[in-house]
Amino acid sequence: MSTAGSPRHLIVMGVSGSGKSTVAAGLQQRLGWPFAEGDDFHPPANVAKMSAGTPLRDEDRWPWLRALAGWIAEHDARGESTVMTCSALRRVYRDVLRRGSPGVYFVHLVGEQALLQERMGGREGHYMPLTLLQSQLGTLEPLAPDEAGLVCDVSRAPEEITAEVLAHLDLPARA
């Protein structure tokens, strides 16, 4: 991870339904750092594929991941820490994101498949269909021991997860 005083970039990762957006919003609110919803960086063709229930292929993901790394790099160059959501399912995807800054740190949200399905089934207005959850779970590569990150169980309240991340990283929440 980054050295003391240099920007930190928290990427809240996990499969669909894990609560990435909720936890990231809690972190952003508590820290006051710039926030990016990774899904907003997908080109229309990717959104159309996922909406139709077609899993993305790596060639679909590379430009998207490079755009996210670029956003991180822009903020890092300004000395700004950030919070971002991104599924970041495979290590090679996380490697691309780490190119944005040495201060990238992953918050991996994990949960039982039944809970994830329940959450996805209750969502409105999201393009990711429940049918793609199994594909994401099959693609998911958990954080390796040499990757800067924290694994958090999503069966707990988002506020508890946010507090755990802040405490683990010794990050002061703004008043």
N, C-alpha and C. Protein backbone atom coordinates (compact mmCIF):
# COMPACT_ATOMS: atom_id res chain seq x y z
N MET A 1 0.84 -1.19 0.00
CA MET A 1 0.00 0.00 0.00
C MET A 1 0.87 1.23 0.00
N SER A 2 0.27 2.38 -0.11
CA SER A 2 1.00 3.63 -0.22
C SER A 2 1.72 3.98 1.08
N THR A 3 2.63 4.90 0.97
CA THR A 3 3.36 5.36 2.15
C THR A 3 2.52 6.38 2.90
N ALA A 4 2.87 6.61 4.16
CA ALA A 4 2.13 7.54 5.00
C ALA A 4 2.04 8.90 4.32
N GLY A 5 0.85 9.48 4.34
CA GLY A 5 0.64 10.79 3.76
C GLY A 5 0.32 10.80 2.28
N SER A 6 0.54 9.69 1.58
CA SER A 6 0.20 9.66 0.16
C SER A 6 -1.25 9.21 0.00
N PRO A 7 -1.85 9.53 -1.15
CA PRO A 7 -3.26 9.20 -1.34
C PRO A 7 -3.55 7.70 -1.24
N ARG A 8 -4.73 7.40 -0.75
CA ARG A 8 -5.23 6.04 -0.69
C ARG A 8 -6.44 5.95 -1.61
N HIS A 9 -6.60 4.79 -2.21
CA HIS A 9 -7.71 4.59 -3.14
C HIS A 9 -8.40 3.28 -2.78
N LEU A 10 -9.55 3.41 -2.12
CA LEU A 10 -10.31 2.24 -1.70
C LEU A 10 -11.21 1.79 -2.83
N ILE A 11 -11.07 0.53 -3.22
CA ILE A 11 -11.94 -0.05 -4.23
C ILE A 11 -12.78 -1.12 -3.54
N VAL A 12 -14.08 -0.86 -3.47
CA VAL A 12 -15.00 -1.81 -2.87
C VAL A 12 -15.39 -2.78 -3.97
N MET A 13 -15.01 -4.04 -3.78
CA MET A 13 -15.15 -5.04 -4.84
C MET A 13 -16.03 -6.20 -4.39
N GLY A 14 -16.48 -6.97 -5.37
CA GLY A 14 -17.27 -8.17 -5.11
C GLY A 14 -18.27 -8.38 -6.24
N VAL A 15 -18.98 -9.48 -6.13
CA VAL A 15 -19.97 -9.81 -7.14
C VAL A 15 -21.20 -8.92 -6.98
N SER A 16 -22.06 -8.97 -7.95
CA SER A 16 -23.30 -8.22 -7.92
C SER A 16 -24.12 -8.65 -6.70
N GLY A 17 -24.74 -7.68 -6.05
CA GLY A 17 -25.56 -7.97 -4.89
C GLY A 17 -24.80 -7.98 -3.57
N SER A 18 -23.49 -7.77 -3.62
CA SER A 18 -22.70 -7.82 -2.38
C SER A 18 -22.78 -6.53 -1.58
N GLY A 19 -23.32 -5.47 -2.17
CA GLY A 19 -23.46 -4.22 -1.44
C GLY A 19 -22.35 -3.22 -1.69
N LYS A 20 -21.67 -3.36 -2.82
CA LYS A 20 -20.55 -2.47 -3.13
C LYS A 20 -20.95 -1.00 -3.05
N SER A 21 -22.03 -0.65 -3.72
CA SER A 21 -22.44 0.76 -3.78
C SER A 21 -22.82 1.28 -2.40
N THR A 22 -23.50 0.48 -1.61
CA THR A 22 -23.92 0.91 -0.28
C THR A 22 -22.73 1.12 0.64
N VAL A 23 -21.81 0.17 0.66
CA VAL A 23 -20.63 0.29 1.52
C VAL A 23 -19.74 1.43 1.04
N ALA A 24 -19.54 1.54 -0.25
CA ALA A 24 -18.71 2.63 -0.79
C ALA A 24 -19.32 3.99 -0.46
N ALA A 25 -20.63 4.12 -0.57
CA ALA A 25 -21.29 5.39 -0.23
C ALA A 25 -21.08 5.71 1.25
N GLY A 26 -21.13 4.70 2.09
CA GLY A 26 -20.88 4.91 3.52
C GLY A 26 -19.45 5.38 3.76
N LEU A 27 -18.50 4.77 3.07
CA LEU A 27 -17.10 5.19 3.21
C LEU A 27 -16.92 6.62 2.69
N GLN A 28 -17.50 6.92 1.55
CA GLN A 28 -17.38 8.26 0.99
C GLN A 28 -17.98 9.29 1.94
N GLN A 29 -19.11 8.98 2.50
CA GLN A 29 -19.77 9.91 3.42
C GLN A 29 -18.91 10.14 4.66
N ARG A 30 -18.34 9.08 5.19
CA ARG A 30 -17.53 9.20 6.41
C ARG A 30 -16.17 9.85 6.15
N LEU A 31 -15.61 9.66 4.95
CA LEU A 31 -14.28 10.18 4.65
C LEU A 31 -14.29 11.50 3.88
N GLY A 32 -15.33 11.72 3.08
CA GLY A 32 -15.40 12.92 2.27
C GLY A 32 -14.53 12.88 1.03
N TRP A 33 -14.10 11.70 0.63
CA TRP A 33 -13.23 11.56 -0.54
C TRP A 33 -14.06 11.51 -1.82
N PRO A 34 -13.48 11.90 -2.96
CA PRO A 34 -14.17 11.74 -4.24
C PRO A 34 -14.58 10.27 -4.45
N PHE A 35 -15.73 10.09 -5.09
CA PHE A 35 -16.31 8.76 -5.27
C PHE A 35 -16.61 8.51 -6.74
N ALA A 36 -16.38 7.28 -7.16
CA ALA A 36 -16.74 6.85 -8.52
C ALA A 36 -17.46 5.51 -8.45
N GLU A 37 -18.59 5.44 -9.11
CA GLU A 37 -19.33 4.19 -9.27
C GLU A 37 -18.78 3.53 -10.53
N GLY A 38 -18.07 2.42 -10.36
CA GLY A 38 -17.42 1.76 -11.48
C GLY A 38 -18.36 1.44 -12.62
N ASP A 39 -19.60 1.08 -12.31
CA ASP A 39 -20.57 0.75 -13.36
C ASP A 39 -20.81 1.93 -14.31
N ASP A 40 -20.65 3.16 -13.81
CA ASP A 40 -20.89 4.34 -14.65
C ASP A 40 -19.84 4.48 -15.75
N PHE A 41 -18.73 3.76 -15.64
CA PHE A 41 -17.66 3.85 -16.63
C PHE A 41 -17.83 2.83 -17.76
N HIS A 42 -18.81 1.92 -17.62
CA HIS A 42 -19.05 0.93 -18.68
C HIS A 42 -19.57 1.63 -19.94
N PRO A 43 -19.05 1.27 -21.10
CA PRO A 43 -19.62 1.80 -22.34
C PRO A 43 -21.01 1.20 -22.58
N PRO A 44 -21.83 1.86 -23.38
CA PRO A 44 -23.19 1.35 -23.64
C PRO A 44 -23.21 -0.10 -24.13
N ALA A 45 -22.23 -0.51 -24.91
CA ALA A 45 -22.22 -1.89 -25.42
C ALA A 45 -22.10 -2.90 -24.27
N ASN A 46 -21.31 -2.60 -23.26
CA ASN A 46 -21.19 -3.49 -22.11
C ASN A 46 -22.51 -3.57 -21.34
N VAL A 47 -23.13 -2.42 -21.13
CA VAL A 47 -24.41 -2.38 -20.41
C VAL A 47 -25.45 -3.18 -21.17
N ALA A 48 -25.48 -3.04 -22.49
CA ALA A 48 -26.45 -3.78 -23.31
C ALA A 48 -26.22 -5.29 -23.18
N LYS A 49 -24.96 -5.72 -23.21
CA LYS A 49 -24.67 -7.15 -23.06
C LYS A 49 -25.17 -7.67 -21.72
N MET A 50 -24.80 -6.97 -20.66
CA MET A 50 -25.19 -7.43 -19.32
C MET A 50 -26.71 -7.40 -19.15
N SER A 51 -27.35 -6.36 -19.67
CA SER A 51 -28.81 -6.27 -19.58
C SER A 51 -29.49 -7.44 -20.27
N ALA A 52 -28.85 -7.94 -21.33
CA ALA A 52 -29.39 -9.07 -22.08
C ALA A 52 -29.02 -10.41 -21.45
N GLY A 53 -28.27 -10.35 -20.33
CA GLY A 53 -27.87 -11.59 -19.65
C GLY A 53 -26.62 -12.23 -20.22
N THR A 54 -25.88 -11.48 -21.03
CA THR A 54 -24.65 -12.00 -21.63
C THR A 54 -23.46 -11.57 -20.79
N PRO A 55 -22.68 -12.52 -20.27
CA PRO A 55 -21.51 -12.13 -19.48
C PRO A 55 -20.49 -11.39 -20.34
N LEU A 56 -19.82 -10.43 -19.73
CA LEU A 56 -18.75 -9.71 -20.43
C LEU A 56 -17.55 -10.63 -20.62
N ARG A 57 -16.83 -10.39 -21.69
CA ARG A 57 -15.57 -11.10 -21.93
C ARG A 57 -14.43 -10.16 -21.56
N ASP A 58 -13.24 -10.70 -21.42
CA ASP A 58 -12.11 -9.86 -21.05
C ASP A 58 -11.92 -8.70 -22.00
N GLU A 59 -12.08 -8.93 -23.31
CA GLU A 59 -11.89 -7.83 -24.25
C GLU A 59 -12.91 -6.72 -24.06
N ASP A 60 -14.07 -7.03 -23.44
CA ASP A 60 -15.05 -6.01 -23.09
C ASP A 60 -14.59 -5.21 -21.87
N ARG A 61 -13.88 -5.88 -20.99
CA ARG A 61 -13.52 -5.29 -19.71
C ARG A 61 -12.27 -4.41 -19.75
N TRP A 62 -11.29 -4.74 -20.61
CA TRP A 62 -10.02 -4.02 -20.56
C TRP A 62 -10.18 -2.51 -20.70
N PRO A 63 -10.91 -1.98 -21.69
CA PRO A 63 -11.04 -0.51 -21.78
C PRO A 63 -11.72 0.09 -20.54
N TRP A 64 -12.70 -0.61 -20.01
CA TRP A 64 -13.40 -0.17 -18.81
C TRP A 64 -12.44 -0.10 -17.62
N LEU A 65 -11.65 -1.14 -17.42
CA LEU A 65 -10.70 -1.17 -16.31
C LEU A 65 -9.63 -0.10 -16.47
N ARG A 66 -9.17 0.12 -17.70
CA ARG A 66 -8.18 1.17 -17.93
C ARG A 66 -8.76 2.56 -17.63
N ALA A 67 -10.04 2.76 -17.94
CA ALA A 67 -10.69 4.04 -17.62
C ALA A 67 -10.76 4.24 -16.10
N LEU A 68 -11.06 3.19 -15.37
CA LEU A 68 -11.11 3.28 -13.91
C LEU A 68 -9.72 3.59 -13.35
N ALA A 69 -8.70 2.90 -13.85
CA ALA A 69 -7.32 3.16 -13.41
C ALA A 69 -6.92 4.59 -13.73
N GLY A 70 -7.37 5.09 -14.87
CA GLY A 70 -7.08 6.47 -15.24
C GLY A 70 -7.70 7.47 -14.28
N TRP A 71 -8.93 7.20 -13.86
CA TRP A 71 -9.61 8.05 -12.89
C TRP A 71 -8.83 8.07 -11.58
N ILE A 72 -8.39 6.90 -11.14
CA ILE A 72 -7.58 6.82 -9.92
C ILE A 72 -6.30 7.63 -10.10
N ALA A 73 -5.61 7.44 -11.22
CA ALA A 73 -4.34 8.13 -11.47
C ALA A 73 -4.51 9.65 -11.47
N GLU A 74 -5.60 10.14 -12.05
CA GLU A 74 -5.86 11.58 -12.08
C GLU A 74 -5.96 12.14 -10.67
N HIS A 75 -6.71 11.45 -9.83
CA HIS A 75 -6.89 11.91 -8.44
C HIS A 75 -5.59 11.75 -7.65
N ASP A 76 -4.89 10.66 -7.89
CA ASP A 76 -3.63 10.42 -7.21
C ASP A 76 -2.63 11.54 -7.52
N ALA A 77 -2.58 11.96 -8.79
CA ALA A 77 -1.67 13.03 -9.20
C ALA A 77 -1.99 14.35 -8.51
N ARG A 78 -3.26 14.53 -8.13
CA ARG A 78 -3.67 15.74 -7.41
C ARG A 78 -3.53 15.59 -5.90
N GLY A 79 -3.07 14.41 -5.46
CA GLY A 79 -2.91 14.16 -4.03
C GLY A 79 -4.21 13.84 -3.33
N GLU A 80 -5.23 13.42 -4.09
CA GLU A 80 -6.55 13.12 -3.53
C GLU A 80 -6.74 11.62 -3.35
N SER A 81 -7.22 11.23 -2.18
CA SER A 81 -7.64 9.86 -1.94
C SER A 81 -9.04 9.68 -2.51
N THR A 82 -9.43 8.44 -2.84
CA THR A 82 -10.72 8.20 -3.49
C THR A 82 -11.38 6.92 -2.95
N VAL A 83 -12.66 6.81 -3.26
CA VAL A 83 -13.45 5.59 -3.02
C VAL A 83 -14.09 5.23 -4.35
N MET A 84 -14.06 3.94 -4.71
CA MET A 84 -14.62 3.49 -5.98
C MET A 84 -15.26 2.12 -5.79
N THR A 85 -16.27 1.85 -6.59
CA THR A 85 -16.80 0.49 -6.67
C THR A 85 -16.34 -0.13 -7.98
N CYS A 86 -16.05 -1.41 -7.93
CA CYS A 86 -15.68 -2.17 -9.12
C CYS A 86 -15.74 -3.64 -8.74
N SER A 87 -16.33 -4.45 -9.57
CA SER A 87 -16.41 -5.87 -9.25
C SER A 87 -15.03 -6.47 -9.07
N ALA A 88 -14.06 -6.10 -9.90
CA ALA A 88 -12.66 -6.53 -9.76
C ALA A 88 -12.56 -8.03 -9.47
N LEU A 89 -13.25 -8.83 -10.26
CA LEU A 89 -13.41 -10.25 -9.96
C LEU A 89 -12.14 -11.08 -10.09
N ARG A 90 -11.26 -10.69 -10.98
CA ARG A 90 -10.04 -11.48 -11.19
C ARG A 90 -8.80 -10.66 -10.83
N ARG A 91 -7.75 -11.36 -10.47
CA ARG A 91 -6.51 -10.67 -10.11
C ARG A 91 -5.99 -9.81 -11.27
N VAL A 92 -6.07 -10.31 -12.49
CA VAL A 92 -5.57 -9.52 -13.62
C VAL A 92 -6.34 -8.21 -13.76
N TYR A 93 -7.62 -8.20 -13.40
CA TYR A 93 -8.39 -6.97 -13.42
C TYR A 93 -7.89 -6.03 -12.33
N ARG A 94 -7.63 -6.59 -11.15
CA ARG A 94 -7.12 -5.78 -10.05
C ARG A 94 -5.72 -5.24 -10.37
N ASP A 95 -4.94 -6.03 -11.11
CA ASP A 95 -3.62 -5.55 -11.53
C ASP A 95 -3.74 -4.29 -12.39
N VAL A 96 -4.72 -4.26 -13.27
CA VAL A 96 -4.94 -3.07 -14.11
C VAL A 96 -5.31 -1.88 -13.21
N LEU A 97 -6.18 -2.10 -12.25
CA LEU A 97 -6.60 -1.02 -11.36
C LEU A 97 -5.43 -0.49 -10.52
N ARG A 98 -4.55 -1.38 -10.12
CA ARG A 98 -3.38 -0.97 -9.32
C ARG A 98 -2.42 -0.10 -10.12
N ARG A 99 -2.50 -0.14 -11.44
CA ARG A 99 -1.65 0.73 -12.27
C ARG A 99 -1.98 2.20 -12.04
N GLY A 100 -3.17 2.49 -11.50
CA GLY A 100 -3.57 3.87 -11.24
C GLY A 100 -2.81 4.51 -10.09
N SER A 101 -2.36 3.69 -9.13
CA SER A 101 -1.66 4.23 -7.96
C SER A 101 -1.15 3.09 -7.09
N PRO A 102 -0.02 3.30 -6.42
CA PRO A 102 0.44 2.30 -5.45
C PRO A 102 -0.45 2.29 -4.20
N GLY A 103 -1.32 3.28 -4.08
CA GLY A 103 -2.19 3.37 -2.91
C GLY A 103 -3.52 2.67 -3.04
N VAL A 104 -3.69 1.80 -4.04
CA VAL A 104 -4.95 1.06 -4.21
C VAL A 104 -5.08 0.00 -3.12
N TYR A 105 -6.26 -0.05 -2.52
CA TYR A 105 -6.56 -1.01 -1.46
C TYR A 105 -7.97 -1.55 -1.72
N PHE A 106 -8.11 -2.88 -1.70
CA PHE A 106 -9.39 -3.50 -2.02
C PHE A 106 -10.16 -3.87 -0.76
N VAL A 107 -11.44 -3.58 -0.77
CA VAL A 107 -12.38 -4.01 0.27
C VAL A 107 -13.27 -5.03 -0.42
N HIS A 108 -12.99 -6.32 -0.17
CA HIS A 108 -13.70 -7.40 -0.86
C HIS A 108 -14.91 -7.82 -0.03
N LEU A 109 -16.10 -7.58 -0.57
CA LEU A 109 -17.34 -7.96 0.09
C LEU A 109 -17.73 -9.36 -0.35
N VAL A 110 -17.91 -10.24 0.62
CA VAL A 110 -18.24 -11.63 0.34
C VAL A 110 -19.51 -12.02 1.10
N GLY A 111 -20.27 -12.95 0.51
CA GLY A 111 -21.49 -13.42 1.16
C GLY A 111 -21.97 -14.71 0.54
N GLU A 112 -22.88 -15.34 1.24
CA GLU A 112 -23.47 -16.58 0.75
C GLU A 112 -24.32 -16.30 -0.50
N GLN A 113 -24.32 -17.27 -1.42
CA GLN A 113 -25.02 -17.09 -2.68
C GLN A 113 -26.50 -16.80 -2.46
N ALA A 114 -27.13 -17.46 -1.50
CA ALA A 114 -28.56 -17.24 -1.25
C ALA A 114 -28.83 -15.79 -0.85
N LEU A 115 -27.97 -15.22 -0.02
CA LEU A 115 -28.13 -13.83 0.39
C LEU A 115 -27.95 -12.89 -0.80
N LEU A 116 -26.95 -13.15 -1.62
CA LEU A 116 -26.70 -12.32 -2.81
C LEU A 116 -27.89 -12.38 -3.76
N GLN A 117 -28.45 -13.58 -3.96
CA GLN A 117 -29.61 -13.73 -4.84
C GLN A 117 -30.81 -12.97 -4.29
N GLU A 118 -31.00 -13.05 -2.99
CA GLU A 118 -32.11 -12.33 -2.36
C GLU A 118 -31.96 -10.82 -2.57
N ARG A 119 -30.76 -10.32 -2.38
CA ARG A 119 -30.52 -8.88 -2.56
C ARG A 119 -30.74 -8.47 -4.00
N MET A 120 -30.23 -9.26 -4.94
CA MET A 120 -30.39 -8.93 -6.35
C MET A 120 -31.86 -8.96 -6.75
N GLY A 121 -32.59 -9.91 -6.21
CA GLY A 121 -34.02 -10.03 -6.54
C GLY A 121 -34.83 -8.85 -6.06
N GLY A 122 -34.36 -8.17 -5.02
CA GLY A 122 -35.08 -7.04 -4.46
C GLY A 122 -34.68 -5.69 -5.03
N ARG A 123 -33.72 -5.68 -5.93
CA ARG A 123 -33.26 -4.41 -6.51
C ARG A 123 -34.15 -3.97 -7.65
N GLU A 124 -34.26 -2.66 -7.77
CA GLU A 124 -35.00 -2.11 -8.90
C GLU A 124 -34.09 -1.18 -9.68
N GLY A 125 -34.23 -1.17 -10.98
CA GLY A 125 -33.51 -0.22 -11.81
C GLY A 125 -32.06 -0.55 -12.06
N HIS A 126 -31.63 -1.77 -11.80
CA HIS A 126 -30.24 -2.16 -12.07
C HIS A 126 -30.24 -3.10 -13.26
N TYR A 127 -29.26 -2.91 -14.15
CA TYR A 127 -29.23 -3.69 -15.38
C TYR A 127 -28.70 -5.10 -15.22
N MET A 128 -28.06 -5.41 -14.11
CA MET A 128 -27.45 -6.73 -13.92
C MET A 128 -28.53 -7.75 -13.52
N PRO A 129 -28.84 -8.70 -14.40
CA PRO A 129 -29.87 -9.68 -14.06
C PRO A 129 -29.34 -10.76 -13.11
N LEU A 130 -30.22 -11.32 -12.36
CA LEU A 130 -29.89 -12.38 -11.41
C LEU A 130 -29.19 -13.55 -12.10
N THR A 131 -29.49 -13.77 -13.37
CA THR A 131 -28.91 -14.90 -14.09
C THR A 131 -27.39 -14.80 -14.24
N LEU A 132 -26.82 -13.60 -14.11
CA LEU A 132 -25.38 -13.44 -14.26
C LEU A 132 -24.60 -13.66 -12.96
N LEU A 133 -25.31 -13.81 -11.84
CA LEU A 133 -24.61 -14.01 -10.56
C LEU A 133 -23.73 -15.25 -10.60
N GLN A 134 -24.24 -16.36 -11.11
CA GLN A 134 -23.46 -17.60 -11.15
C GLN A 134 -22.19 -17.42 -11.99
N SER A 135 -22.30 -16.69 -13.09
CA SER A 135 -21.13 -16.41 -13.92
C SER A 135 -20.09 -15.61 -13.14
N GLN A 136 -20.55 -14.62 -12.39
CA GLN A 136 -19.63 -13.81 -11.60
C GLN A 136 -18.97 -14.65 -10.51
N LEU A 137 -19.74 -15.47 -9.85
CA LEU A 137 -19.17 -16.33 -8.79
C LEU A 137 -18.13 -17.29 -9.37
N GLY A 138 -18.38 -17.76 -10.58
CA GLY A 138 -17.43 -18.66 -11.22
C GLY A 138 -16.16 -17.96 -11.65
N THR A 139 -16.26 -16.67 -11.94
CA THR A 139 -15.10 -15.88 -12.37
C THR A 139 -14.29 -15.38 -11.18
N LEU A 140 -14.94 -15.18 -10.05
CA LEU A 140 -14.31 -14.55 -8.88
C LEU A 140 -13.05 -15.26 -8.41
N GLU A 141 -11.98 -14.51 -8.29
CA GLU A 141 -10.73 -14.97 -7.68
C GLU A 141 -10.54 -14.15 -6.41
N PRO A 142 -10.63 -14.78 -5.25
CA PRO A 142 -10.47 -14.03 -4.00
C PRO A 142 -9.12 -13.33 -3.94
N LEU A 143 -9.04 -12.31 -3.11
CA LEU A 143 -7.78 -11.61 -2.92
C LEU A 143 -6.70 -12.60 -2.50
N ALA A 144 -5.53 -12.46 -3.09
CA ALA A 144 -4.38 -13.29 -2.72
C ALA A 144 -3.69 -12.65 -1.52
N PRO A 145 -2.94 -13.42 -0.74
CA PRO A 145 -2.27 -12.87 0.44
C PRO A 145 -1.36 -11.68 0.14
N ASP A 146 -0.84 -11.58 -1.07
CA ASP A 146 0.06 -10.47 -1.39
C ASP A 146 -0.67 -9.24 -1.95
N GLU A 147 -2.01 -9.28 -1.97
CA GLU A 147 -2.79 -8.14 -2.45
C GLU A 147 -3.27 -7.32 -1.25
N ALA A 148 -3.06 -6.01 -1.31
CA ALA A 148 -3.50 -5.12 -0.24
C ALA A 148 -5.02 -5.11 -0.21
N GLY A 149 -5.59 -5.60 0.88
CA GLY A 149 -7.04 -5.62 0.95
C GLY A 149 -7.56 -6.23 2.23
N LEU A 150 -8.86 -6.12 2.39
CA LEU A 150 -9.59 -6.61 3.54
C LEU A 150 -10.83 -7.32 3.04
N VAL A 151 -11.12 -8.50 3.59
CA VAL A 151 -12.32 -9.26 3.23
C VAL A 151 -13.37 -9.00 4.29
N CYS A 152 -14.59 -8.63 3.88
CA CYS A 152 -15.67 -8.30 4.80
C CYS A 152 -16.91 -9.13 4.47
N ASP A 153 -17.51 -9.70 5.49
CA ASP A 153 -18.72 -10.52 5.37
C ASP A 153 -19.93 -9.60 5.25
N VAL A 154 -20.70 -9.75 4.18
CA VAL A 154 -21.84 -8.86 3.93
C VAL A 154 -23.12 -9.27 4.65
N SER A 155 -23.05 -10.28 5.49
CA SER A 155 -24.23 -10.61 6.27
C SER A 155 -24.42 -9.59 7.40
N ARG A 156 -23.42 -8.74 7.63
CA ARG A 156 -23.51 -7.68 8.63
C ARG A 156 -24.05 -6.41 8.01
N ALA A 157 -24.45 -5.48 8.85
CA ALA A 157 -24.97 -4.19 8.37
C ALA A 157 -23.87 -3.40 7.67
N PRO A 158 -24.23 -2.66 6.62
CA PRO A 158 -23.24 -1.85 5.91
C PRO A 158 -22.47 -0.90 6.85
N GLU A 159 -23.15 -0.36 7.84
CA GLU A 159 -22.49 0.55 8.79
C GLU A 159 -21.39 -0.17 9.56
N GLU A 160 -21.61 -1.43 9.90
CA GLU A 160 -20.59 -2.22 10.59
C GLU A 160 -19.38 -2.46 9.69
N ILE A 161 -19.64 -2.73 8.42
CA ILE A 161 -18.55 -2.96 7.47
C ILE A 161 -17.75 -1.67 7.29
N THR A 162 -18.44 -0.56 7.14
CA THR A 162 -17.77 0.73 7.01
C THR A 162 -16.88 1.00 8.21
N ALA A 163 -17.41 0.79 9.40
CA ALA A 163 -16.64 1.01 10.63
C ALA A 163 -15.42 0.08 10.68
N GLU A 164 -15.59 -1.17 10.24
CA GLU A 164 -14.47 -2.12 10.23
C GLU A 164 -13.35 -1.64 9.30
N VAL A 165 -13.72 -1.17 8.11
CA VAL A 165 -12.72 -0.69 7.15
C VAL A 165 -11.98 0.52 7.72
N LEU A 166 -12.72 1.48 8.27
CA LEU A 166 -12.09 2.67 8.83
C LEU A 166 -11.14 2.32 9.96
N ALA A 167 -11.56 1.41 10.83
CA ALA A 167 -10.71 1.00 11.95
C ALA A 167 -9.49 0.23 11.46
N HIS A 168 -9.71 -0.68 10.53
CA HIS A 168 -8.61 -1.52 10.02
C HIS A 168 -7.51 -0.66 9.38
N LEU A 169 -7.92 0.37 8.65
CA LEU A 169 -6.97 1.23 7.96
C LEU A 169 -6.57 2.46 8.77
N ASP A 170 -7.15 2.58 9.98
CA ASP A 170 -6.88 3.72 10.85
C ASP A 170 -7.14 5.03 10.12
N LEU A 171 -8.33 5.08 9.48
CA LEU A 171 -8.73 6.27 8.74
C LEU A 171 -9.68 7.10 9.59
N PRO A 172 -9.39 8.35 9.74
CA PRO A 172 -10.27 9.21 10.53
C PRO A 172 -11.50 9.61 9.73
N ALA A 173 -12.65 9.41 10.31
CA ALA A 173 -13.88 9.86 9.65
C ALA A 173 -14.05 11.36 9.91
N ARG A 174 -14.57 12.05 8.91
CA ARG A 174 -14.79 13.49 9.10
C ARG A 174 -15.96 13.70 10.04
N ALA A 175 -15.98 14.85 10.65
CA ALA A 175 -17.03 15.16 11.64
C ALA A 175 -18.36 15.35 10.96
